[in-house]
N, C-alpha and C. Protein backbone atom coordinates (compact mmCIF):
# COMPACT_ATOMS: atom_id res chain seq x y z
N MET A 1 9.99 20.16 27.71
CA MET A 1 10.17 20.22 26.25
C MET A 1 9.55 18.97 25.63
N ILE A 2 8.41 19.13 24.94
CA ILE A 2 7.67 17.96 24.47
C ILE A 2 8.25 17.35 23.20
N PHE A 3 9.15 18.08 22.52
CA PHE A 3 9.66 17.59 21.25
C PHE A 3 10.99 16.83 21.37
N VAL A 4 11.37 16.49 22.59
CA VAL A 4 12.54 15.66 22.81
C VAL A 4 12.05 14.27 23.20
N ARG A 5 12.50 13.25 22.49
CA ARG A 5 12.03 11.89 22.76
C ARG A 5 12.97 11.20 23.75
N TYR A 6 12.41 10.87 24.91
CA TYR A 6 13.17 10.18 25.93
C TYR A 6 12.82 8.70 26.01
N GLU A 7 11.75 8.30 25.32
CA GLU A 7 11.24 6.94 25.47
C GLU A 7 12.16 5.90 24.85
N ASN A 8 12.16 4.69 25.43
CA ASN A 8 12.75 3.56 24.72
C ASN A 8 11.70 3.03 23.76
N TRP A 9 12.06 2.01 22.95
CA TRP A 9 11.14 1.55 21.91
C TRP A 9 9.86 0.94 22.50
N LYS A 10 9.99 0.23 23.63
CA LYS A 10 8.80 -0.36 24.24
C LYS A 10 7.83 0.72 24.69
N SER A 11 8.36 1.71 25.35
CA SER A 11 7.52 2.82 25.82
C SER A 11 6.94 3.59 24.65
N TYR A 12 7.74 3.78 23.62
CA TYR A 12 7.27 4.52 22.44
C TYR A 12 6.06 3.81 21.83
N LEU A 13 6.16 2.51 21.66
CA LEU A 13 5.05 1.75 21.07
C LEU A 13 3.81 1.81 21.96
N ARG A 14 4.01 1.80 23.27
CA ARG A 14 2.88 1.83 24.19
C ARG A 14 2.22 3.20 24.23
N TYR A 15 3.02 4.26 24.26
CA TYR A 15 2.49 5.61 24.36
C TYR A 15 1.91 6.13 23.04
N TYR A 16 2.50 5.71 21.92
CA TYR A 16 2.13 6.28 20.62
C TYR A 16 1.78 5.17 19.61
N PRO A 17 0.74 4.40 19.87
CA PRO A 17 0.42 3.27 18.97
C PRO A 17 0.04 3.70 17.56
N VAL A 18 -0.71 4.79 17.41
CA VAL A 18 -1.12 5.24 16.07
C VAL A 18 0.08 5.76 15.30
N THR A 19 0.91 6.58 15.94
CA THR A 19 2.12 7.09 15.29
C THR A 19 3.01 5.94 14.85
N SER A 20 3.16 4.95 15.71
CA SER A 20 3.99 3.78 15.38
C SER A 20 3.43 3.04 14.17
N LEU A 21 2.10 2.88 14.13
CA LEU A 21 1.46 2.20 13.01
C LEU A 21 1.66 2.99 11.71
N LEU A 22 1.53 4.30 11.78
CA LEU A 22 1.73 5.14 10.59
C LEU A 22 3.15 4.99 10.06
N LEU A 23 4.12 4.97 10.97
CA LEU A 23 5.51 4.79 10.56
C LEU A 23 5.70 3.45 9.86
N VAL A 24 5.13 2.40 10.42
CA VAL A 24 5.27 1.06 9.85
C VAL A 24 4.64 1.00 8.45
N ILE A 25 3.45 1.56 8.30
CA ILE A 25 2.79 1.56 6.99
C ILE A 25 3.63 2.29 5.95
N ASN A 26 4.17 3.46 6.33
CA ASN A 26 5.02 4.21 5.41
C ASN A 26 6.24 3.40 4.98
N LEU A 27 6.86 2.73 5.93
CA LEU A 27 8.06 1.94 5.63
C LEU A 27 7.71 0.74 4.74
N VAL A 28 6.63 0.06 5.07
CA VAL A 28 6.22 -1.12 4.28
C VAL A 28 5.91 -0.72 2.85
N MET A 29 5.17 0.37 2.68
CA MET A 29 4.81 0.81 1.33
C MET A 29 6.04 1.26 0.55
N PHE A 30 7.01 1.84 1.24
CA PHE A 30 8.23 2.25 0.55
C PHE A 30 8.99 1.02 0.05
N VAL A 31 9.09 0.00 0.88
CA VAL A 31 9.79 -1.23 0.48
C VAL A 31 9.08 -1.88 -0.71
N ILE A 32 7.75 -1.93 -0.65
CA ILE A 32 6.98 -2.54 -1.73
C ILE A 32 7.23 -1.79 -3.05
N THR A 33 7.14 -0.47 -3.02
CA THR A 33 7.34 0.30 -4.26
C THR A 33 8.79 0.22 -4.73
N ALA A 34 9.73 0.19 -3.78
CA ALA A 34 11.15 0.12 -4.15
C ALA A 34 11.46 -1.16 -4.91
N PHE A 35 10.79 -2.26 -4.55
CA PHE A 35 11.06 -3.54 -5.20
C PHE A 35 10.10 -3.85 -6.35
N ASP A 36 9.20 -2.92 -6.63
CA ASP A 36 8.26 -3.14 -7.72
C ASP A 36 8.29 -1.95 -8.68
N GLY A 37 9.46 -1.66 -9.19
CA GLY A 37 9.58 -0.61 -10.18
C GLY A 37 10.33 0.62 -9.72
N GLY A 38 10.46 0.79 -8.40
CA GLY A 38 11.22 1.91 -7.87
C GLY A 38 10.32 2.96 -7.23
N SER A 39 10.77 3.48 -6.09
CA SER A 39 9.95 4.42 -5.33
C SER A 39 9.85 5.79 -5.99
N ARG A 40 10.68 6.05 -7.01
CA ARG A 40 10.59 7.32 -7.74
C ARG A 40 9.89 7.15 -9.11
N ASN A 41 9.44 5.96 -9.37
CA ASN A 41 8.81 5.67 -10.65
C ASN A 41 7.33 6.08 -10.61
N PRO A 42 6.92 7.08 -11.40
CA PRO A 42 5.53 7.52 -11.37
C PRO A 42 4.52 6.41 -11.65
N VAL A 43 4.86 5.50 -12.55
CA VAL A 43 3.95 4.40 -12.87
C VAL A 43 3.74 3.52 -11.65
N THR A 44 4.82 3.23 -10.93
CA THR A 44 4.72 2.41 -9.72
C THR A 44 3.90 3.13 -8.65
N LEU A 45 4.18 4.42 -8.45
CA LEU A 45 3.46 5.19 -7.43
C LEU A 45 1.98 5.28 -7.75
N LEU A 46 1.66 5.47 -9.02
CA LEU A 46 0.25 5.50 -9.41
C LEU A 46 -0.41 4.15 -9.21
N LYS A 47 0.33 3.10 -9.46
CA LYS A 47 -0.19 1.74 -9.25
C LYS A 47 -0.61 1.51 -7.81
N TYR A 48 0.17 2.08 -6.86
CA TYR A 48 -0.09 1.84 -5.45
C TYR A 48 -0.88 2.96 -4.76
N GLY A 49 -1.35 3.94 -5.54
CA GLY A 49 -2.30 4.89 -4.94
C GLY A 49 -1.89 6.33 -4.92
N ALA A 50 -0.91 6.74 -5.72
CA ALA A 50 -0.56 8.16 -5.79
C ALA A 50 -1.75 8.96 -6.30
N LEU A 51 -1.82 10.21 -5.88
CA LEU A 51 -2.89 11.10 -6.31
C LEU A 51 -2.47 11.80 -7.59
N SER A 52 -3.36 11.86 -8.56
CA SER A 52 -2.99 12.46 -9.84
C SER A 52 -4.19 13.13 -10.49
N ASP A 53 -3.89 14.14 -11.33
CA ASP A 53 -4.95 14.78 -12.10
C ASP A 53 -5.05 14.21 -13.52
N LEU A 54 -4.38 13.09 -13.77
CA LEU A 54 -4.57 12.40 -15.04
C LEU A 54 -6.04 11.96 -15.16
N PRO A 55 -6.64 12.10 -16.32
CA PRO A 55 -8.08 11.84 -16.48
C PRO A 55 -8.54 10.48 -15.95
N GLU A 56 -7.71 9.45 -16.13
CA GLU A 56 -8.14 8.11 -15.71
C GLU A 56 -8.11 7.91 -14.20
N PHE A 57 -7.53 8.88 -13.45
CA PHE A 57 -7.42 8.73 -12.00
C PHE A 57 -8.22 9.75 -11.20
N VAL A 58 -8.74 10.78 -11.84
CA VAL A 58 -9.34 11.89 -11.09
C VAL A 58 -10.59 11.50 -10.30
N ASP A 59 -11.28 10.46 -10.71
CA ASP A 59 -12.51 10.05 -10.02
C ASP A 59 -12.26 9.02 -8.92
N GLN A 60 -11.01 8.68 -8.67
CA GLN A 60 -10.68 7.66 -7.67
C GLN A 60 -10.35 8.35 -6.34
N ALA A 61 -11.42 8.64 -5.58
CA ALA A 61 -11.28 9.43 -4.35
C ALA A 61 -10.41 8.75 -3.30
N TRP A 62 -10.30 7.43 -3.33
CA TRP A 62 -9.50 6.72 -2.34
C TRP A 62 -8.03 7.12 -2.39
N ARG A 63 -7.61 7.67 -3.51
CA ARG A 63 -6.21 8.09 -3.65
C ARG A 63 -5.85 9.25 -2.73
N TYR A 64 -6.84 10.03 -2.31
CA TYR A 64 -6.57 11.12 -1.37
C TYR A 64 -6.03 10.58 -0.05
N VAL A 65 -6.37 9.34 0.26
CA VAL A 65 -5.87 8.69 1.49
C VAL A 65 -4.59 7.91 1.21
N THR A 66 -4.62 7.06 0.19
CA THR A 66 -3.47 6.18 -0.06
C THR A 66 -2.20 6.96 -0.40
N ALA A 67 -2.33 8.12 -1.02
CA ALA A 67 -1.16 8.92 -1.39
C ALA A 67 -0.35 9.34 -0.17
N MET A 68 -1.00 9.41 0.99
CA MET A 68 -0.31 9.81 2.23
C MET A 68 0.75 8.81 2.67
N PHE A 69 0.63 7.58 2.19
CA PHE A 69 1.51 6.52 2.66
C PHE A 69 2.56 6.12 1.63
N LEU A 70 2.70 6.92 0.59
CA LEU A 70 3.71 6.68 -0.44
C LEU A 70 4.72 7.82 -0.44
N HIS A 71 5.98 7.50 -0.82
CA HIS A 71 7.02 8.53 -0.82
C HIS A 71 7.88 8.42 -2.07
N ASN A 72 8.26 9.58 -2.56
CA ASN A 72 9.02 9.68 -3.80
C ASN A 72 10.53 9.68 -3.50
N GLY A 73 11.07 8.50 -3.22
CA GLY A 73 12.49 8.38 -2.92
C GLY A 73 12.77 8.28 -1.43
N PHE A 74 13.95 7.76 -1.09
CA PHE A 74 14.31 7.54 0.31
C PHE A 74 14.44 8.84 1.08
N ASP A 75 14.94 9.90 0.45
CA ASP A 75 15.10 11.18 1.15
C ASP A 75 13.74 11.73 1.57
N HIS A 76 12.74 11.57 0.73
CA HIS A 76 11.38 12.00 1.06
C HIS A 76 10.84 11.21 2.25
N LEU A 77 11.03 9.89 2.21
CA LEU A 77 10.61 9.03 3.32
C LEU A 77 11.34 9.40 4.61
N LEU A 78 12.65 9.62 4.51
CA LEU A 78 13.46 9.91 5.69
C LEU A 78 13.02 11.20 6.36
N PHE A 79 12.80 12.24 5.59
CA PHE A 79 12.40 13.54 6.13
C PHE A 79 11.06 13.42 6.87
N ASN A 80 10.07 12.78 6.21
CA ASN A 80 8.76 12.66 6.83
C ASN A 80 8.77 11.70 8.02
N SER A 81 9.55 10.64 7.94
CA SER A 81 9.63 9.68 9.04
C SER A 81 10.27 10.31 10.27
N PHE A 82 11.27 11.15 10.06
CA PHE A 82 11.90 11.84 11.19
C PHE A 82 10.89 12.75 11.88
N ALA A 83 10.14 13.51 11.09
CA ALA A 83 9.13 14.40 11.66
C ALA A 83 8.07 13.60 12.41
N LEU A 84 7.64 12.49 11.81
CA LEU A 84 6.62 11.65 12.42
C LEU A 84 7.13 10.98 13.68
N LEU A 85 8.38 10.58 13.67
CA LEU A 85 8.98 9.89 14.81
C LEU A 85 9.24 10.82 15.99
N VAL A 86 9.66 12.05 15.72
CA VAL A 86 10.13 12.95 16.77
C VAL A 86 9.10 14.01 17.16
N PHE A 87 8.54 14.70 16.19
CA PHE A 87 7.73 15.88 16.49
C PHE A 87 6.24 15.60 16.66
N VAL A 88 5.72 14.59 16.00
CA VAL A 88 4.29 14.34 16.02
C VAL A 88 3.79 13.61 17.27
N PRO A 89 4.54 12.67 17.87
CA PRO A 89 4.01 11.85 18.96
C PRO A 89 3.33 12.58 20.11
N PRO A 90 3.85 13.71 20.62
CA PRO A 90 3.16 14.34 21.76
C PRO A 90 1.70 14.68 21.48
N LEU A 91 1.37 14.96 20.22
CA LEU A 91 -0.02 15.29 19.90
C LEU A 91 -0.92 14.09 20.13
N GLU A 92 -0.41 12.88 19.91
CA GLU A 92 -1.21 11.69 20.17
C GLU A 92 -1.55 11.57 21.66
N ARG A 93 -0.59 11.93 22.52
CA ARG A 93 -0.86 11.90 23.96
C ARG A 93 -1.82 13.00 24.38
N ILE A 94 -1.70 14.17 23.77
CA ILE A 94 -2.56 15.30 24.11
C ILE A 94 -4.01 15.02 23.72
N MET A 95 -4.20 14.49 22.51
CA MET A 95 -5.55 14.30 21.98
C MET A 95 -6.17 12.96 22.34
N GLY A 96 -5.33 11.95 22.53
CA GLY A 96 -5.82 10.58 22.59
C GLY A 96 -5.65 9.95 21.22
N SER A 97 -5.40 8.66 21.19
CA SER A 97 -4.97 8.01 19.96
C SER A 97 -5.99 8.10 18.83
N TRP A 98 -7.26 7.78 19.08
CA TRP A 98 -8.20 7.72 17.97
C TRP A 98 -8.56 9.11 17.45
N LYS A 99 -8.58 10.11 18.33
CA LYS A 99 -8.85 11.48 17.88
C LYS A 99 -7.66 12.01 17.08
N PHE A 100 -6.47 11.65 17.52
CA PHE A 100 -5.28 12.02 16.76
C PHE A 100 -5.31 11.39 15.38
N ALA A 101 -5.71 10.12 15.29
CA ALA A 101 -5.78 9.43 14.00
C ALA A 101 -6.74 10.15 13.06
N ILE A 102 -7.89 10.59 13.58
CA ILE A 102 -8.86 11.32 12.76
C ILE A 102 -8.25 12.62 12.25
N LEU A 103 -7.62 13.37 13.14
CA LEU A 103 -7.02 14.64 12.73
C LEU A 103 -5.92 14.43 11.70
N TYR A 104 -5.08 13.46 11.92
CA TYR A 104 -3.97 13.17 11.00
C TYR A 104 -4.50 12.85 9.61
N LEU A 105 -5.45 11.93 9.53
CA LEU A 105 -5.97 11.49 8.23
C LEU A 105 -6.74 12.61 7.53
N LEU A 106 -7.58 13.33 8.27
CA LEU A 106 -8.35 14.40 7.65
C LEU A 106 -7.45 15.54 7.19
N SER A 107 -6.42 15.85 7.96
CA SER A 107 -5.47 16.89 7.55
C SER A 107 -4.76 16.49 6.27
N GLY A 108 -4.35 15.22 6.19
CA GLY A 108 -3.69 14.73 5.00
C GLY A 108 -4.60 14.79 3.79
N VAL A 109 -5.85 14.41 3.97
CA VAL A 109 -6.82 14.46 2.87
C VAL A 109 -7.04 15.91 2.43
N LEU A 110 -7.21 16.81 3.38
CA LEU A 110 -7.41 18.23 3.05
C LEU A 110 -6.21 18.79 2.29
N GLY A 111 -5.01 18.46 2.78
CA GLY A 111 -3.81 18.91 2.10
C GLY A 111 -3.76 18.41 0.66
N ASN A 112 -4.15 17.15 0.46
CA ASN A 112 -4.15 16.57 -0.89
C ASN A 112 -5.24 17.18 -1.77
N VAL A 113 -6.42 17.42 -1.19
CA VAL A 113 -7.50 18.04 -1.95
C VAL A 113 -7.09 19.43 -2.44
N ILE A 114 -6.54 20.23 -1.53
CA ILE A 114 -6.12 21.59 -1.89
C ILE A 114 -4.96 21.56 -2.87
N GLY A 115 -4.01 20.65 -2.62
CA GLY A 115 -2.85 20.55 -3.50
C GLY A 115 -3.24 20.16 -4.91
N LEU A 116 -4.10 19.15 -5.05
CA LEU A 116 -4.49 18.71 -6.38
C LEU A 116 -5.33 19.77 -7.09
N ALA A 117 -6.22 20.43 -6.33
CA ALA A 117 -7.04 21.49 -6.92
C ALA A 117 -6.16 22.61 -7.48
N TYR A 118 -5.08 22.90 -6.78
CA TYR A 118 -4.17 23.94 -7.25
C TYR A 118 -3.43 23.51 -8.52
N TYR A 119 -2.89 22.29 -8.48
CA TYR A 119 -2.08 21.83 -9.62
C TYR A 119 -2.92 21.50 -10.84
N GLU A 120 -4.21 21.25 -10.66
CA GLU A 120 -5.08 21.00 -11.80
C GLU A 120 -5.20 22.23 -12.70
N ARG A 121 -4.85 23.39 -12.15
CA ARG A 121 -4.91 24.63 -12.93
C ARG A 121 -3.71 24.77 -13.86
N MET A 122 -2.68 23.97 -13.62
CA MET A 122 -1.48 24.05 -14.45
C MET A 122 -1.71 23.35 -15.79
N GLU A 123 -0.80 23.57 -16.72
CA GLU A 123 -0.95 22.99 -18.05
C GLU A 123 -0.41 21.58 -18.14
N HIS A 124 0.35 21.14 -17.15
CA HIS A 124 0.92 19.80 -17.20
C HIS A 124 0.31 18.94 -16.10
N TYR A 125 0.28 17.63 -16.33
CA TYR A 125 -0.26 16.70 -15.34
C TYR A 125 0.75 16.49 -14.22
N THR A 126 0.23 16.14 -13.04
CA THR A 126 1.10 15.96 -11.89
C THR A 126 0.61 14.79 -11.06
N PHE A 127 1.42 14.37 -10.09
CA PHE A 127 0.97 13.40 -9.10
C PHE A 127 1.53 13.81 -7.74
N LEU A 128 0.80 13.48 -6.68
CA LEU A 128 1.17 13.86 -5.32
C LEU A 128 1.29 12.62 -4.45
N VAL A 129 2.36 12.56 -3.66
CA VAL A 129 2.53 11.51 -2.66
C VAL A 129 3.18 12.12 -1.43
N GLY A 130 3.06 11.42 -0.31
CA GLY A 130 3.78 11.83 0.89
C GLY A 130 2.88 12.12 2.08
N ALA A 131 3.48 11.99 3.26
CA ALA A 131 2.77 12.22 4.52
C ALA A 131 2.82 13.67 4.97
N SER A 132 3.43 14.55 4.17
CA SER A 132 3.69 15.91 4.62
C SER A 132 2.43 16.69 4.98
N GLY A 133 1.37 16.56 4.17
CA GLY A 133 0.14 17.28 4.46
C GLY A 133 -0.41 16.90 5.83
N ALA A 134 -0.39 15.60 6.15
CA ALA A 134 -0.87 15.13 7.44
C ALA A 134 0.04 15.59 8.58
N ILE A 135 1.35 15.56 8.34
CA ILE A 135 2.30 16.00 9.35
C ILE A 135 2.14 17.49 9.63
N TYR A 136 1.95 18.26 8.56
CA TYR A 136 1.71 19.70 8.76
C TYR A 136 0.36 19.93 9.44
N GLY A 137 -0.57 19.00 9.29
CA GLY A 137 -1.81 19.07 10.05
C GLY A 137 -1.54 18.98 11.54
N ALA A 138 -0.61 18.10 11.93
CA ALA A 138 -0.21 18.01 13.33
C ALA A 138 0.42 19.32 13.79
N TYR A 139 1.25 19.90 12.92
CA TYR A 139 1.86 21.20 13.25
C TYR A 139 0.78 22.27 13.43
N GLY A 140 -0.26 22.21 12.59
CA GLY A 140 -1.36 23.16 12.72
C GLY A 140 -2.07 23.01 14.05
N ALA A 141 -2.26 21.76 14.49
CA ALA A 141 -2.87 21.52 15.80
C ALA A 141 -1.99 22.07 16.91
N TYR A 142 -0.68 21.85 16.80
CA TYR A 142 0.25 22.42 17.79
C TYR A 142 0.16 23.94 17.82
N LEU A 143 0.02 24.54 16.64
CA LEU A 143 -0.06 26.00 16.57
C LEU A 143 -1.30 26.49 17.31
N TYR A 144 -2.41 25.79 17.14
CA TYR A 144 -3.63 26.15 17.87
C TYR A 144 -3.38 26.06 19.39
N ILE A 145 -2.74 24.98 19.80
CA ILE A 145 -2.44 24.79 21.22
C ILE A 145 -1.53 25.90 21.74
N ALA A 146 -0.50 26.22 20.96
CA ALA A 146 0.46 27.25 21.37
C ALA A 146 -0.20 28.62 21.53
N LEU A 147 -1.21 28.88 20.69
CA LEU A 147 -1.86 30.20 20.72
C LEU A 147 -3.01 30.28 21.71
N PHE A 148 -3.77 29.19 21.84
CA PHE A 148 -5.01 29.26 22.61
C PHE A 148 -5.07 28.32 23.82
N GLN A 149 -4.14 27.41 23.94
CA GLN A 149 -4.09 26.51 25.09
C GLN A 149 -2.66 26.50 25.65
N ARG A 150 -2.21 27.66 26.00
CA ARG A 150 -0.81 27.86 26.34
C ARG A 150 -0.36 27.02 27.54
N HIS A 151 -1.29 26.61 28.38
CA HIS A 151 -0.93 25.80 29.55
C HIS A 151 -0.53 24.38 29.16
N VAL A 152 -0.85 23.96 27.94
CA VAL A 152 -0.61 22.57 27.55
C VAL A 152 0.86 22.31 27.23
N ILE A 153 1.53 23.30 26.63
CA ILE A 153 2.95 23.12 26.29
C ILE A 153 3.77 24.26 26.88
N ASP A 154 5.03 23.97 27.17
CA ASP A 154 5.92 24.94 27.80
C ASP A 154 6.47 25.94 26.78
N GLU A 155 7.08 27.00 27.30
CA GLU A 155 7.58 28.07 26.45
C GLU A 155 8.66 27.59 25.49
N SER A 156 9.54 26.71 25.97
CA SER A 156 10.60 26.18 25.11
C SER A 156 10.02 25.41 23.93
N SER A 157 8.95 24.65 24.18
CA SER A 157 8.30 23.90 23.11
C SER A 157 7.62 24.84 22.12
N ARG A 158 7.03 25.92 22.62
CA ARG A 158 6.41 26.90 21.73
C ARG A 158 7.44 27.52 20.79
N LYS A 159 8.59 27.89 21.33
CA LYS A 159 9.65 28.50 20.51
C LYS A 159 10.14 27.50 19.47
N THR A 160 10.28 26.24 19.88
CA THR A 160 10.71 25.20 18.94
C THR A 160 9.69 25.04 17.83
N LEU A 161 8.41 25.06 18.19
CA LEU A 161 7.34 24.94 17.20
C LEU A 161 7.39 26.08 16.19
N TYR A 162 7.55 27.31 16.67
CA TYR A 162 7.59 28.45 15.76
C TYR A 162 8.78 28.35 14.80
N THR A 163 9.92 27.91 15.34
CA THR A 163 11.10 27.72 14.49
C THR A 163 10.86 26.64 13.46
N LEU A 164 10.24 25.57 13.91
CA LEU A 164 9.93 24.44 13.02
C LEU A 164 9.01 24.88 11.88
N LEU A 165 8.01 25.68 12.21
CA LEU A 165 7.06 26.15 11.20
C LEU A 165 7.74 27.07 10.19
N ILE A 166 8.58 27.97 10.66
CA ILE A 166 9.28 28.88 9.75
C ILE A 166 10.19 28.10 8.81
N LEU A 167 10.98 27.17 9.37
CA LEU A 167 11.88 26.37 8.54
C LEU A 167 11.09 25.49 7.58
N GLY A 168 9.98 24.95 8.07
CA GLY A 168 9.16 24.08 7.23
C GLY A 168 8.56 24.81 6.05
N ILE A 169 8.06 26.02 6.27
CA ILE A 169 7.49 26.79 5.18
C ILE A 169 8.58 27.19 4.18
N LEU A 170 9.74 27.59 4.69
CA LEU A 170 10.84 27.94 3.79
C LEU A 170 11.26 26.73 2.96
N PHE A 171 11.34 25.56 3.59
CA PHE A 171 11.70 24.33 2.88
C PHE A 171 10.67 24.00 1.81
N SER A 172 9.40 24.38 2.06
CA SER A 172 8.33 24.05 1.14
C SER A 172 8.46 24.75 -0.21
N PHE A 173 9.34 25.76 -0.28
CA PHE A 173 9.58 26.44 -1.55
C PHE A 173 10.61 25.71 -2.41
N THR A 174 11.18 24.62 -1.87
CA THR A 174 12.14 23.82 -2.63
C THR A 174 11.45 23.19 -3.84
N PRO A 175 12.09 23.21 -5.02
CA PRO A 175 11.49 22.57 -6.20
C PRO A 175 11.13 21.11 -5.94
N GLY A 176 9.96 20.73 -6.38
CA GLY A 176 9.51 19.35 -6.19
C GLY A 176 8.73 19.13 -4.92
N VAL A 177 8.68 20.15 -4.05
CA VAL A 177 7.94 20.06 -2.79
C VAL A 177 6.63 20.83 -2.96
N SER A 178 5.53 20.26 -2.48
CA SER A 178 4.22 20.88 -2.65
C SER A 178 3.93 21.85 -1.51
N LEU A 179 4.26 23.12 -1.71
CA LEU A 179 3.96 24.16 -0.73
C LEU A 179 2.46 24.21 -0.44
N VAL A 180 1.65 24.08 -1.49
CA VAL A 180 0.20 24.20 -1.34
C VAL A 180 -0.34 23.09 -0.45
N ALA A 181 0.12 21.85 -0.64
CA ALA A 181 -0.33 20.73 0.19
C ALA A 181 0.10 20.91 1.63
N HIS A 182 1.33 21.44 1.84
CA HIS A 182 1.83 21.67 3.19
C HIS A 182 0.97 22.71 3.91
N VAL A 183 0.73 23.83 3.24
CA VAL A 183 -0.07 24.90 3.84
C VAL A 183 -1.51 24.43 4.04
N GLY A 184 -2.03 23.66 3.08
CA GLY A 184 -3.38 23.11 3.21
C GLY A 184 -3.50 22.22 4.43
N GLY A 185 -2.50 21.35 4.64
CA GLY A 185 -2.50 20.49 5.82
C GLY A 185 -2.38 21.29 7.10
N LEU A 186 -1.53 22.30 7.10
CA LEU A 186 -1.31 23.15 8.28
C LEU A 186 -2.60 23.87 8.68
N VAL A 187 -3.21 24.52 7.72
CA VAL A 187 -4.46 25.25 7.99
C VAL A 187 -5.57 24.27 8.39
N GLY A 188 -5.62 23.13 7.68
CA GLY A 188 -6.62 22.13 8.00
C GLY A 188 -6.47 21.61 9.42
N GLY A 189 -5.25 21.29 9.83
CA GLY A 189 -5.00 20.79 11.18
C GLY A 189 -5.35 21.81 12.25
N PHE A 190 -5.05 23.07 11.98
CA PHE A 190 -5.35 24.16 12.92
C PHE A 190 -6.86 24.21 13.20
N PHE A 191 -7.66 24.26 12.13
CA PHE A 191 -9.10 24.40 12.31
C PHE A 191 -9.76 23.08 12.74
N LEU A 192 -9.23 21.97 12.27
CA LEU A 192 -9.78 20.68 12.70
C LEU A 192 -9.60 20.46 14.20
N TYR A 193 -8.42 20.83 14.69
CA TYR A 193 -8.18 20.67 16.13
C TYR A 193 -9.14 21.55 16.92
N GLY A 194 -9.29 22.81 16.49
CA GLY A 194 -10.22 23.70 17.18
C GLY A 194 -11.64 23.17 17.16
N LEU A 195 -12.04 22.58 16.04
CA LEU A 195 -13.37 22.00 15.93
C LEU A 195 -13.52 20.76 16.80
N MET A 196 -12.51 19.92 16.78
CA MET A 196 -12.60 18.64 17.51
C MET A 196 -12.66 18.84 19.02
N ILE A 197 -11.90 19.79 19.55
CA ILE A 197 -11.94 19.98 21.01
C ILE A 197 -13.30 20.51 21.45
N ARG A 198 -14.02 21.16 20.54
CA ARG A 198 -15.37 21.61 20.87
C ARG A 198 -16.38 20.49 20.70
N LEU A 199 -16.21 19.69 19.67
CA LEU A 199 -17.13 18.57 19.45
C LEU A 199 -17.03 17.54 20.56
N PHE A 200 -15.81 17.25 20.98
CA PHE A 200 -15.61 16.20 21.98
C PHE A 200 -15.55 16.77 23.40
N LYS A 201 -15.56 18.11 23.50
CA LYS A 201 -15.59 18.78 24.80
C LYS A 201 -14.57 18.22 25.78
N ARG A 202 -13.35 18.06 25.27
CA ARG A 202 -12.29 17.57 26.13
C ARG A 202 -11.36 18.72 26.48
N ARG A 203 -11.18 18.95 27.74
CA ARG A 203 -10.29 20.01 28.19
C ARG A 203 -8.85 19.51 28.19
N THR A 204 -7.94 20.30 27.54
CA THR A 204 -6.54 19.90 27.51
C THR A 204 -5.67 21.04 27.99
């Protein structure tokens, strides 16, 4: 069962250096925003890189990346940190750290691109923050593995993944949660993983 964490902290840091770094960045940025106006304050979030369709921010492409490391309140941070801490790490071992980092970041960017493109059609302005698109990108990669590389993960892990995906999609319908960004990250991670294993020709 790959989704059960048995490691101590030393082993965790050694086995999952990129995941550990992502967790630290998320925590640091949350503390910074919490002490500089509040982590739920749109002005503060925009100051530190939230993605928005406001006219003065739409041309700032770097926000597609920085928005991944900001969270709208402690509950948002807690939910994403738990997923990142528990469910995402095995993918780093399967892919290798730097390839995992590429997939994580590109999935997050794709989720943000699709999410913002969708919300730009609405009549009101919005802003997007959170690691969810990137995390769902990892789930998308797991889905590819579960369907096409069945030898990589056991049956119990596959069942857990399917349950996780169903619950995650249902949760995405909660008000204030970006279903579009989640699905964008999921689909992006699925196809990115399939592309990357062909580009790098690594058998897993």
